[in-house]
Amino acid sequence: METFEHTKCKPLSITLAVVSQERRILGFEVSRMPAKSALAKIALKKYGPQPDERPQGRARLFERIKPFIRADALIKSDQNPHYPRDVMRFFPHCTHKTYKGRRGCVVGQGELKRGGFDPLFSLNHTCAKIRADINRLFRRTWCTTKKAERLAAHLALYVQYHNESLEKKTA
């Protein structure tokens, strides 16, 4: 999932690990990344080169959740070219399947997919729920993240609430 820090010229990536059937959030990591597309030139001129912290973020997340993943687990992800190498490094005995990302059913709702079976439904639904429940992640809002560390703290509180509310529903 992507958002930004104060301005769209300073994007952030939220790497998320979700248990497929339960929709329980195992972990997350917020990482800075360089701007892309039309904003790249503006961002470079205004803020200078931005670091790409996504590889370190994935490594921290995978290291943290490693004890909770069974050796024969099935790990599903989109077709990001960096995932296979990282998954193989941290989860060598797991099966990793990648799926092509699809367009959102409504403009601005990339997490909600148009019709048919979505193999990444648990992840996409969880991302949509996070975006809907945390006001700083709304697509159009006056409330924005000013510091990546504060977004991470907000997400930590949300993950605790999310996982506890799932437990109550199954109990």
N, C-alpha and C. Protein backbone atom coordinates (compact mmCIF):
# COMPACT_ATOMS: atom_id res chain seq x y z
N MET A 1 0.86 -1.16 0.00
CA MET A 1 0.00 0.00 0.00
C MET A 1 0.91 1.23 0.00
N GLU A 2 0.49 2.28 -0.71
CA GLU A 2 1.29 3.51 -0.75
C GLU A 2 0.50 4.70 -0.25
N THR A 3 1.21 5.61 0.39
CA THR A 3 0.65 6.86 0.85
C THR A 3 1.77 7.88 0.75
N PHE A 4 1.68 8.98 1.49
CA PHE A 4 2.75 9.97 1.41
C PHE A 4 2.94 10.67 2.75
N GLU A 5 4.11 11.30 2.86
CA GLU A 5 4.49 12.04 4.06
C GLU A 5 4.44 13.53 3.74
N HIS A 6 3.43 14.21 4.22
CA HIS A 6 3.22 15.65 4.08
C HIS A 6 2.88 16.11 2.66
N THR A 7 3.53 15.56 1.65
CA THR A 7 3.27 15.94 0.27
C THR A 7 3.43 14.71 -0.62
N LYS A 8 2.73 14.68 -1.73
CA LYS A 8 2.83 13.54 -2.64
C LYS A 8 4.22 13.40 -3.24
N CYS A 9 5.03 14.41 -3.09
CA CYS A 9 6.42 14.34 -3.56
C CYS A 9 7.29 13.50 -2.63
N LYS A 10 6.77 13.11 -1.46
CA LYS A 10 7.52 12.29 -0.50
C LYS A 10 6.70 11.04 -0.18
N PRO A 11 6.65 10.09 -1.13
CA PRO A 11 5.81 8.90 -0.94
C PRO A 11 6.35 7.94 0.12
N LEU A 12 5.42 7.17 0.69
CA LEU A 12 5.74 6.13 1.66
C LEU A 12 5.14 4.82 1.19
N SER A 13 5.81 3.74 1.50
CA SER A 13 5.30 2.41 1.18
C SER A 13 4.98 1.70 2.49
N ILE A 14 3.82 1.05 2.54
CA ILE A 14 3.45 0.26 3.72
C ILE A 14 3.46 -1.19 3.28
N THR A 15 4.45 -1.95 3.75
CA THR A 15 4.54 -3.37 3.46
C THR A 15 3.73 -4.08 4.53
N LEU A 16 2.86 -4.98 4.11
CA LEU A 16 1.91 -5.60 5.01
C LEU A 16 1.93 -7.11 4.85
N ALA A 17 1.87 -7.85 5.95
CA ALA A 17 1.75 -9.31 5.93
C ALA A 17 0.43 -9.67 6.60
N VAL A 18 -0.42 -10.40 5.88
CA VAL A 18 -1.76 -10.74 6.36
C VAL A 18 -1.95 -12.25 6.26
N VAL A 19 -2.55 -12.87 7.29
CA VAL A 19 -2.90 -14.29 7.24
C VAL A 19 -4.12 -14.41 6.33
N SER A 20 -4.01 -15.21 5.30
CA SER A 20 -4.98 -15.24 4.22
C SER A 20 -6.43 -15.48 4.67
N GLN A 21 -6.71 -16.57 5.33
CA GLN A 21 -8.10 -16.90 5.66
C GLN A 21 -8.66 -16.06 6.81
N GLU A 22 -7.83 -15.72 7.75
CA GLU A 22 -8.29 -15.00 8.95
C GLU A 22 -8.29 -13.48 8.80
N ARG A 23 -7.52 -12.94 7.85
CA ARG A 23 -7.31 -11.52 7.67
C ARG A 23 -6.60 -10.88 8.86
N ARG A 24 -5.93 -11.68 9.67
CA ARG A 24 -5.14 -11.16 10.80
C ARG A 24 -3.87 -10.52 10.24
N ILE A 25 -3.54 -9.36 10.74
CA ILE A 25 -2.33 -8.66 10.29
C ILE A 25 -1.16 -9.17 11.11
N LEU A 26 -0.20 -9.81 10.44
CA LEU A 26 0.99 -10.34 11.12
C LEU A 26 2.00 -9.25 11.41
N GLY A 27 2.10 -8.30 10.49
CA GLY A 27 3.07 -7.24 10.68
C GLY A 27 3.02 -6.24 9.54
N PHE A 28 3.71 -5.13 9.74
CA PHE A 28 3.76 -4.08 8.73
C PHE A 28 5.08 -3.35 8.88
N GLU A 29 5.41 -2.61 7.87
CA GLU A 29 6.61 -1.77 7.91
C GLU A 29 6.37 -0.56 7.02
N VAL A 30 6.67 0.63 7.52
CA VAL A 30 6.54 1.87 6.76
C VAL A 30 7.92 2.26 6.26
N SER A 31 8.05 2.49 4.95
CA SER A 31 9.35 2.81 4.36
C SER A 31 9.23 4.00 3.42
N ARG A 32 10.26 4.84 3.43
CA ARG A 32 10.31 5.94 2.46
C ARG A 32 10.72 5.40 1.10
N MET A 33 10.29 6.08 0.06
CA MET A 33 10.66 5.69 -1.29
C MET A 33 10.72 6.91 -2.18
N PRO A 34 11.47 6.85 -3.26
CA PRO A 34 11.54 8.01 -4.15
C PRO A 34 10.22 8.19 -4.91
N ALA A 35 9.92 9.42 -5.26
CA ALA A 35 8.72 9.71 -6.05
C ALA A 35 8.89 9.12 -7.44
N LYS A 36 7.76 8.81 -8.08
CA LYS A 36 7.82 8.26 -9.42
C LYS A 36 6.88 9.03 -10.34
N SER A 37 6.92 8.74 -11.57
CA SER A 37 6.10 9.34 -12.64
C SER A 37 6.28 10.86 -12.71
N ALA A 38 5.19 11.58 -12.87
CA ALA A 38 5.25 13.02 -13.10
C ALA A 38 5.83 13.79 -11.91
N LEU A 39 5.69 13.24 -10.72
CA LEU A 39 6.17 13.94 -9.52
C LEU A 39 7.67 13.79 -9.30
N ALA A 40 8.30 12.87 -9.98
CA ALA A 40 9.72 12.59 -9.73
C ALA A 40 10.60 13.82 -9.93
N LYS A 41 10.40 14.54 -11.02
CA LYS A 41 11.21 15.74 -11.29
C LYS A 41 10.97 16.81 -10.24
N ILE A 42 9.71 17.05 -9.93
CA ILE A 42 9.36 18.07 -8.94
C ILE A 42 9.95 17.72 -7.58
N ALA A 43 9.80 16.45 -7.18
CA ALA A 43 10.29 15.99 -5.88
C ALA A 43 11.81 16.13 -5.80
N LEU A 44 12.50 15.76 -6.87
CA LEU A 44 13.95 15.85 -6.88
C LEU A 44 14.42 17.29 -6.74
N LYS A 45 13.75 18.19 -7.46
CA LYS A 45 14.11 19.61 -7.41
C LYS A 45 13.82 20.22 -6.04
N LYS A 46 12.67 19.89 -5.47
CA LYS A 46 12.24 20.51 -4.23
C LYS A 46 12.85 19.88 -2.98
N TYR A 47 12.97 18.55 -2.96
CA TYR A 47 13.41 17.85 -1.74
C TYR A 47 14.72 17.09 -1.90
N GLY A 48 15.28 17.09 -3.09
CA GLY A 48 16.52 16.34 -3.31
C GLY A 48 16.24 14.86 -3.45
N PRO A 49 17.28 14.06 -3.63
CA PRO A 49 17.07 12.62 -3.80
C PRO A 49 16.54 11.99 -2.51
N GLN A 50 15.50 11.19 -2.65
CA GLN A 50 14.90 10.50 -1.51
C GLN A 50 15.41 9.06 -1.47
N PRO A 51 15.70 8.55 -0.28
CA PRO A 51 16.20 7.17 -0.19
C PRO A 51 15.09 6.16 -0.50
N ASP A 52 15.45 5.00 -1.00
CA ASP A 52 14.50 3.91 -1.18
C ASP A 52 14.74 2.93 -0.05
N GLU A 53 13.90 3.01 0.98
CA GLU A 53 14.05 2.18 2.17
C GLU A 53 13.22 0.91 2.12
N ARG A 54 12.55 0.65 0.99
CA ARG A 54 11.67 -0.52 0.89
C ARG A 54 12.40 -1.85 1.07
N PRO A 55 13.60 -2.05 0.50
CA PRO A 55 14.28 -3.34 0.72
C PRO A 55 14.58 -3.61 2.21
N GLN A 56 15.05 -2.58 2.91
CA GLN A 56 15.33 -2.74 4.34
C GLN A 56 14.03 -2.96 5.12
N GLY A 57 12.95 -2.28 4.71
CA GLY A 57 11.65 -2.46 5.36
C GLY A 57 11.14 -3.88 5.21
N ARG A 58 11.24 -4.42 3.99
CA ARG A 58 10.81 -5.82 3.76
C ARG A 58 11.65 -6.76 4.62
N ALA A 59 12.95 -6.53 4.67
CA ALA A 59 13.83 -7.39 5.47
C ALA A 59 13.45 -7.34 6.95
N ARG A 60 13.19 -6.15 7.47
CA ARG A 60 12.79 -6.02 8.89
C ARG A 60 11.47 -6.75 9.15
N LEU A 61 10.51 -6.57 8.24
CA LEU A 61 9.20 -7.21 8.40
C LEU A 61 9.35 -8.73 8.34
N PHE A 62 10.05 -9.24 7.34
CA PHE A 62 10.20 -10.68 7.18
C PHE A 62 10.95 -11.30 8.36
N GLU A 63 11.95 -10.60 8.86
CA GLU A 63 12.70 -11.08 10.02
C GLU A 63 11.78 -11.16 11.25
N ARG A 64 10.93 -10.16 11.40
CA ARG A 64 10.03 -10.10 12.55
C ARG A 64 8.96 -11.19 12.50
N ILE A 65 8.42 -11.50 11.32
CA ILE A 65 7.33 -12.48 11.23
C ILE A 65 7.82 -13.91 11.00
N LYS A 66 9.10 -14.07 10.73
CA LYS A 66 9.68 -15.38 10.43
C LYS A 66 9.31 -16.47 11.46
N PRO A 67 9.35 -16.18 12.77
CA PRO A 67 9.00 -17.23 13.74
C PRO A 67 7.54 -17.69 13.67
N PHE A 68 6.67 -16.91 13.04
CA PHE A 68 5.25 -17.24 13.01
C PHE A 68 4.82 -17.92 11.71
N ILE A 69 5.75 -18.14 10.79
CA ILE A 69 5.44 -18.72 9.49
C ILE A 69 5.89 -20.18 9.47
N ARG A 70 4.96 -21.08 9.16
CA ARG A 70 5.31 -22.50 9.05
C ARG A 70 6.26 -22.72 7.87
N ALA A 71 7.07 -23.75 7.97
CA ALA A 71 8.06 -24.04 6.92
C ALA A 71 7.40 -24.39 5.59
N ASP A 72 6.19 -24.96 5.63
CA ASP A 72 5.51 -25.36 4.40
C ASP A 72 4.40 -24.38 3.99
N ALA A 73 4.47 -23.17 4.47
CA ALA A 73 3.42 -22.18 4.20
C ALA A 73 3.39 -21.77 2.72
N LEU A 74 2.22 -21.34 2.30
CA LEU A 74 2.04 -20.76 0.96
C LEU A 74 2.05 -19.25 1.13
N ILE A 75 2.97 -18.58 0.47
CA ILE A 75 3.06 -17.12 0.55
C ILE A 75 2.59 -16.57 -0.79
N LYS A 76 1.57 -15.71 -0.74
CA LYS A 76 1.03 -15.10 -1.95
C LYS A 76 1.41 -13.62 -1.98
N SER A 77 1.71 -13.12 -3.18
CA SER A 77 2.01 -11.70 -3.32
C SER A 77 1.68 -11.26 -4.73
N ASP A 78 1.78 -9.95 -4.94
CA ASP A 78 1.64 -9.46 -6.31
C ASP A 78 2.96 -9.74 -7.03
N GLN A 79 3.08 -9.28 -8.27
CA GLN A 79 4.26 -9.62 -9.06
C GLN A 79 5.41 -8.62 -8.93
N ASN A 80 5.53 -7.99 -7.79
CA ASN A 80 6.67 -7.11 -7.55
C ASN A 80 7.95 -7.92 -7.76
N PRO A 81 8.86 -7.45 -8.62
CA PRO A 81 10.04 -8.25 -8.94
C PRO A 81 11.01 -8.46 -7.77
N HIS A 82 10.86 -7.71 -6.70
CA HIS A 82 11.77 -7.84 -5.55
C HIS A 82 11.32 -8.90 -4.56
N TYR A 83 10.05 -9.27 -4.57
CA TYR A 83 9.53 -10.21 -3.58
C TYR A 83 10.13 -11.61 -3.66
N PRO A 84 10.25 -12.23 -4.85
CA PRO A 84 10.74 -13.61 -4.88
C PRO A 84 12.10 -13.80 -4.19
N ARG A 85 13.03 -12.89 -4.42
CA ARG A 85 14.36 -13.01 -3.81
C ARG A 85 14.26 -12.89 -2.28
N ASP A 86 13.47 -11.91 -1.80
CA ASP A 86 13.35 -11.71 -0.35
C ASP A 86 12.62 -12.87 0.32
N VAL A 87 11.56 -13.36 -0.32
CA VAL A 87 10.82 -14.49 0.25
C VAL A 87 11.72 -15.71 0.31
N MET A 88 12.49 -15.96 -0.74
CA MET A 88 13.39 -17.11 -0.78
C MET A 88 14.46 -17.00 0.31
N ARG A 89 14.93 -15.78 0.57
CA ARG A 89 15.97 -15.56 1.57
C ARG A 89 15.47 -15.84 2.98
N PHE A 90 14.26 -15.37 3.30
CA PHE A 90 13.74 -15.50 4.66
C PHE A 90 12.89 -16.74 4.87
N PHE A 91 12.26 -17.24 3.82
CA PHE A 91 11.37 -18.41 3.93
C PHE A 91 11.74 -19.43 2.85
N PRO A 92 12.92 -20.04 2.94
CA PRO A 92 13.42 -20.90 1.86
C PRO A 92 12.58 -22.14 1.58
N HIS A 93 11.85 -22.64 2.56
CA HIS A 93 11.07 -23.87 2.35
C HIS A 93 9.61 -23.60 2.03
N CYS A 94 9.22 -22.35 1.99
CA CYS A 94 7.83 -22.00 1.69
C CYS A 94 7.61 -21.95 0.18
N THR A 95 6.35 -22.10 -0.22
CA THR A 95 5.98 -21.94 -1.62
C THR A 95 5.54 -20.50 -1.82
N HIS A 96 6.07 -19.85 -2.85
CA HIS A 96 5.71 -18.46 -3.12
C HIS A 96 5.00 -18.38 -4.46
N LYS A 97 3.76 -17.88 -4.43
CA LYS A 97 2.99 -17.70 -5.67
C LYS A 97 2.74 -16.22 -5.87
N THR A 98 2.93 -15.77 -7.10
CA THR A 98 2.68 -14.37 -7.42
C THR A 98 1.46 -14.27 -8.33
N TYR A 99 0.75 -13.16 -8.20
CA TYR A 99 -0.46 -12.92 -8.98
C TYR A 99 -0.40 -11.53 -9.60
N LYS A 100 -0.86 -11.44 -10.81
CA LYS A 100 -0.89 -10.16 -11.51
C LYS A 100 -1.90 -9.25 -10.83
N GLY A 101 -1.49 -8.00 -10.57
CA GLY A 101 -2.39 -7.03 -9.98
C GLY A 101 -3.48 -6.64 -10.97
N ARG A 102 -4.65 -6.31 -10.46
CA ARG A 102 -5.75 -5.90 -11.32
C ARG A 102 -6.18 -4.50 -10.98
N ARG A 103 -6.88 -3.86 -11.90
CA ARG A 103 -7.39 -2.51 -11.70
C ARG A 103 -8.48 -2.52 -10.63
N GLY A 104 -8.62 -1.39 -9.93
CA GLY A 104 -9.69 -1.25 -8.96
C GLY A 104 -11.03 -1.12 -9.65
N CYS A 105 -12.11 -1.46 -8.93
CA CYS A 105 -13.44 -1.40 -9.54
C CYS A 105 -13.95 0.03 -9.64
N VAL A 106 -13.45 0.91 -8.80
CA VAL A 106 -13.82 2.32 -8.83
C VAL A 106 -12.53 3.13 -8.77
N VAL A 107 -12.46 4.19 -9.53
CA VAL A 107 -11.25 5.01 -9.52
C VAL A 107 -10.97 5.45 -8.09
N GLY A 108 -9.72 5.31 -7.67
CA GLY A 108 -9.35 5.71 -6.31
C GLY A 108 -9.54 4.62 -5.29
N GLN A 109 -10.04 3.45 -5.71
CA GLN A 109 -10.21 2.34 -4.77
C GLN A 109 -9.43 1.14 -5.28
N GLY A 110 -8.13 1.29 -5.38
CA GLY A 110 -7.27 0.26 -5.94
C GLY A 110 -7.31 -1.06 -5.20
N GLU A 111 -7.66 -1.03 -3.90
CA GLU A 111 -7.67 -2.26 -3.12
C GLU A 111 -8.90 -3.12 -3.42
N LEU A 112 -10.00 -2.51 -3.88
CA LEU A 112 -11.22 -3.25 -4.18
C LEU A 112 -11.24 -3.60 -5.66
N LYS A 113 -11.21 -4.89 -5.97
CA LYS A 113 -11.07 -5.32 -7.35
C LYS A 113 -12.41 -5.60 -8.02
N ARG A 114 -12.40 -5.45 -9.34
CA ARG A 114 -13.59 -5.71 -10.15
C ARG A 114 -13.83 -7.22 -10.24
N GLY A 115 -15.06 -7.65 -9.98
CA GLY A 115 -15.57 -9.01 -10.15
C GLY A 115 -14.59 -10.16 -10.22
N GLY A 116 -15.08 -11.36 -10.04
CA GLY A 116 -14.28 -12.56 -10.16
C GLY A 116 -13.47 -12.86 -8.91
N PHE A 117 -12.78 -13.99 -8.95
CA PHE A 117 -11.98 -14.44 -7.83
C PHE A 117 -10.70 -13.61 -7.72
N ASP A 118 -10.42 -13.12 -6.54
CA ASP A 118 -9.20 -12.35 -6.29
C ASP A 118 -8.33 -13.17 -5.33
N PRO A 119 -7.23 -13.75 -5.81
CA PRO A 119 -6.39 -14.57 -4.94
C PRO A 119 -5.74 -13.79 -3.80
N LEU A 120 -5.67 -12.48 -3.94
CA LEU A 120 -5.09 -11.63 -2.89
C LEU A 120 -6.19 -10.88 -2.13
N PHE A 121 -7.41 -11.45 -2.09
CA PHE A 121 -8.54 -10.76 -1.48
C PHE A 121 -8.25 -10.36 -0.03
N SER A 122 -7.72 -11.26 0.78
CA SER A 122 -7.47 -10.95 2.20
C SER A 122 -6.57 -9.73 2.35
N LEU A 123 -5.52 -9.69 1.56
CA LEU A 123 -4.60 -8.55 1.62
C LEU A 123 -5.27 -7.29 1.10
N ASN A 124 -5.92 -7.37 -0.06
CA ASN A 124 -6.56 -6.20 -0.65
C ASN A 124 -7.68 -5.66 0.22
N HIS A 125 -8.46 -6.56 0.81
CA HIS A 125 -9.56 -6.14 1.68
C HIS A 125 -9.02 -5.47 2.94
N THR A 126 -7.96 -6.05 3.49
CA THR A 126 -7.35 -5.47 4.70
C THR A 126 -6.79 -4.09 4.39
N CYS A 127 -6.14 -3.93 3.23
CA CYS A 127 -5.61 -2.62 2.84
C CYS A 127 -6.75 -1.61 2.67
N ALA A 128 -7.85 -2.04 2.05
CA ALA A 128 -9.00 -1.15 1.87
C ALA A 128 -9.58 -0.74 3.21
N LYS A 129 -9.65 -1.68 4.14
CA LYS A 129 -10.19 -1.39 5.47
C LYS A 129 -9.27 -0.42 6.22
N ILE A 130 -7.97 -0.62 6.12
CA ILE A 130 -7.03 0.29 6.77
C ILE A 130 -7.20 1.70 6.20
N ARG A 131 -7.26 1.78 4.88
CA ARG A 131 -7.41 3.09 4.22
C ARG A 131 -8.72 3.76 4.64
N ALA A 132 -9.78 2.98 4.82
CA ALA A 132 -11.08 3.54 5.20
C ALA A 132 -11.11 3.95 6.68
N ASP A 133 -10.39 3.22 7.53
CA ASP A 133 -10.48 3.46 8.97
C ASP A 133 -9.47 4.47 9.51
N ILE A 134 -8.38 4.68 8.81
CA ILE A 134 -7.36 5.63 9.28
C ILE A 134 -7.45 6.88 8.43
N ASN A 135 -7.89 7.98 9.05
CA ASN A 135 -8.19 9.20 8.28
C ASN A 135 -6.99 9.75 7.51
N ARG A 136 -5.78 9.57 8.00
CA ARG A 136 -4.62 10.11 7.28
C ARG A 136 -4.34 9.33 6.00
N LEU A 137 -5.00 8.19 5.80
CA LEU A 137 -4.80 7.39 4.59
C LEU A 137 -5.92 7.55 3.57
N PHE A 138 -6.95 8.34 3.91
CA PHE A 138 -8.01 8.61 2.93
C PHE A 138 -7.37 9.16 1.66
N ARG A 139 -7.99 8.92 0.54
CA ARG A 139 -7.44 9.42 -0.72
C ARG A 139 -7.50 10.95 -0.78
N ARG A 140 -8.61 11.51 -0.36
CA ARG A 140 -8.76 12.98 -0.38
C ARG A 140 -9.08 13.43 1.05
N THR A 141 -8.13 14.07 1.68
CA THR A 141 -8.32 14.47 3.06
C THR A 141 -7.45 15.68 3.39
N TRP A 142 -7.85 16.40 4.40
CA TRP A 142 -7.03 17.50 4.91
C TRP A 142 -5.98 16.96 5.86
N CYS A 143 -6.24 15.77 6.37
CA CYS A 143 -5.36 15.17 7.37
C CYS A 143 -4.28 14.33 6.67
N THR A 144 -3.04 14.72 6.80
CA THR A 144 -1.96 13.98 6.17
C THR A 144 -0.92 13.58 7.20
N THR A 145 -0.11 12.60 6.85
CA THR A 145 0.98 12.16 7.71
C THR A 145 2.10 13.18 7.63
N LYS A 146 2.54 13.66 8.76
CA LYS A 146 3.65 14.62 8.78
C LYS A 146 4.99 13.94 8.99
N LYS A 147 4.98 12.79 9.69
CA LYS A 147 6.20 12.03 9.94
C LYS A 147 5.90 10.54 9.76
N ALA A 148 6.78 9.85 9.05
CA ALA A 148 6.59 8.42 8.81
C ALA A 148 6.52 7.63 10.12
N GLU A 149 7.29 8.07 11.12
CA GLU A 149 7.30 7.38 12.42
C GLU A 149 5.93 7.45 13.09
N ARG A 150 5.24 8.58 12.92
CA ARG A 150 3.90 8.73 13.52
C ARG A 150 2.87 7.87 12.79
N LEU A 151 3.04 7.71 11.48
CA LEU A 151 2.17 6.81 10.74
C LEU A 151 2.37 5.38 11.24
N ALA A 152 3.61 5.00 11.46
CA ALA A 152 3.91 3.66 11.98
C ALA A 152 3.27 3.45 13.35
N ALA A 153 3.32 4.46 14.21
CA ALA A 153 2.70 4.36 15.54
C ALA A 153 1.19 4.23 15.41
N HIS A 154 0.59 5.00 14.52
CA HIS A 154 -0.85 4.94 14.27
C HIS A 154 -1.24 3.55 13.76
N LEU A 155 -0.45 3.03 12.83
CA LEU A 155 -0.72 1.70 12.29
C LEU A 155 -0.59 0.62 13.37
N ALA A 156 0.37 0.77 14.27
CA ALA A 156 0.54 -0.21 15.36
C ALA A 156 -0.72 -0.27 16.22
N LEU A 157 -1.28 0.88 16.54
CA LEU A 157 -2.53 0.91 17.31
C LEU A 157 -3.67 0.27 16.51
N TYR A 158 -3.73 0.59 15.23
CA TYR A 158 -4.79 0.05 14.39
C TYR A 158 -4.67 -1.48 14.26
N VAL A 159 -3.46 -1.98 14.09
CA VAL A 159 -3.27 -3.44 13.95
C VAL A 159 -3.74 -4.14 15.22
N GLN A 160 -3.42 -3.59 16.37
CA GLN A 160 -3.87 -4.17 17.65
C GLN A 160 -5.40 -4.21 17.69
N TYR A 161 -6.04 -3.11 17.37
CA TYR A 161 -7.51 -3.03 17.35
C TYR A 161 -8.09 -4.02 16.33
N HIS A 162 -7.54 -4.03 15.12
CA HIS A 162 -8.02 -4.89 14.04
C HIS A 162 -7.97 -6.37 14.44
N ASN A 163 -6.82 -6.80 14.95
CA ASN A 163 -6.66 -8.20 15.32
C ASN A 163 -7.53 -8.58 16.50
N GLU A 164 -7.69 -7.69 17.49
CA GLU A 164 -8.56 -7.97 18.62
C GLU A 164 -10.02 -8.06 18.20
N SER A 165 -10.45 -7.20 17.30
CA SER A 165 -11.84 -7.24 16.85
C SER A 165 -12.12 -8.51 16.05
N LEU A 166 -11.12 -9.03 15.33
CA LEU A 166 -11.30 -10.31 14.61
C LEU A 166 -11.43 -11.45 15.61
N GLU A 167 -10.64 -11.41 16.69
CA GLU A 167 -10.72 -12.44 17.72
C GLU A 167 -12.11 -12.47 18.35
N LYS A 168 -12.67 -11.31 18.63
CA LYS A 168 -13.99 -11.23 19.25
C LYS A 168 -15.06 -11.82 18.34
N LYS A 169 -14.91 -11.60 17.03
CA LYS A 169 -15.91 -12.12 16.07
C LYS A 169 -15.87 -13.64 15.98
N THR A 170 -14.68 -14.23 16.14
CA THR A 170 -14.55 -15.69 16.03
C THR A 170 -14.80 -16.39 17.35
N ALA A 171 -14.76 -15.65 18.45
CA ALA A 171 -14.96 -16.27 19.78
C ALA A 171 -16.42 -16.52 20.07
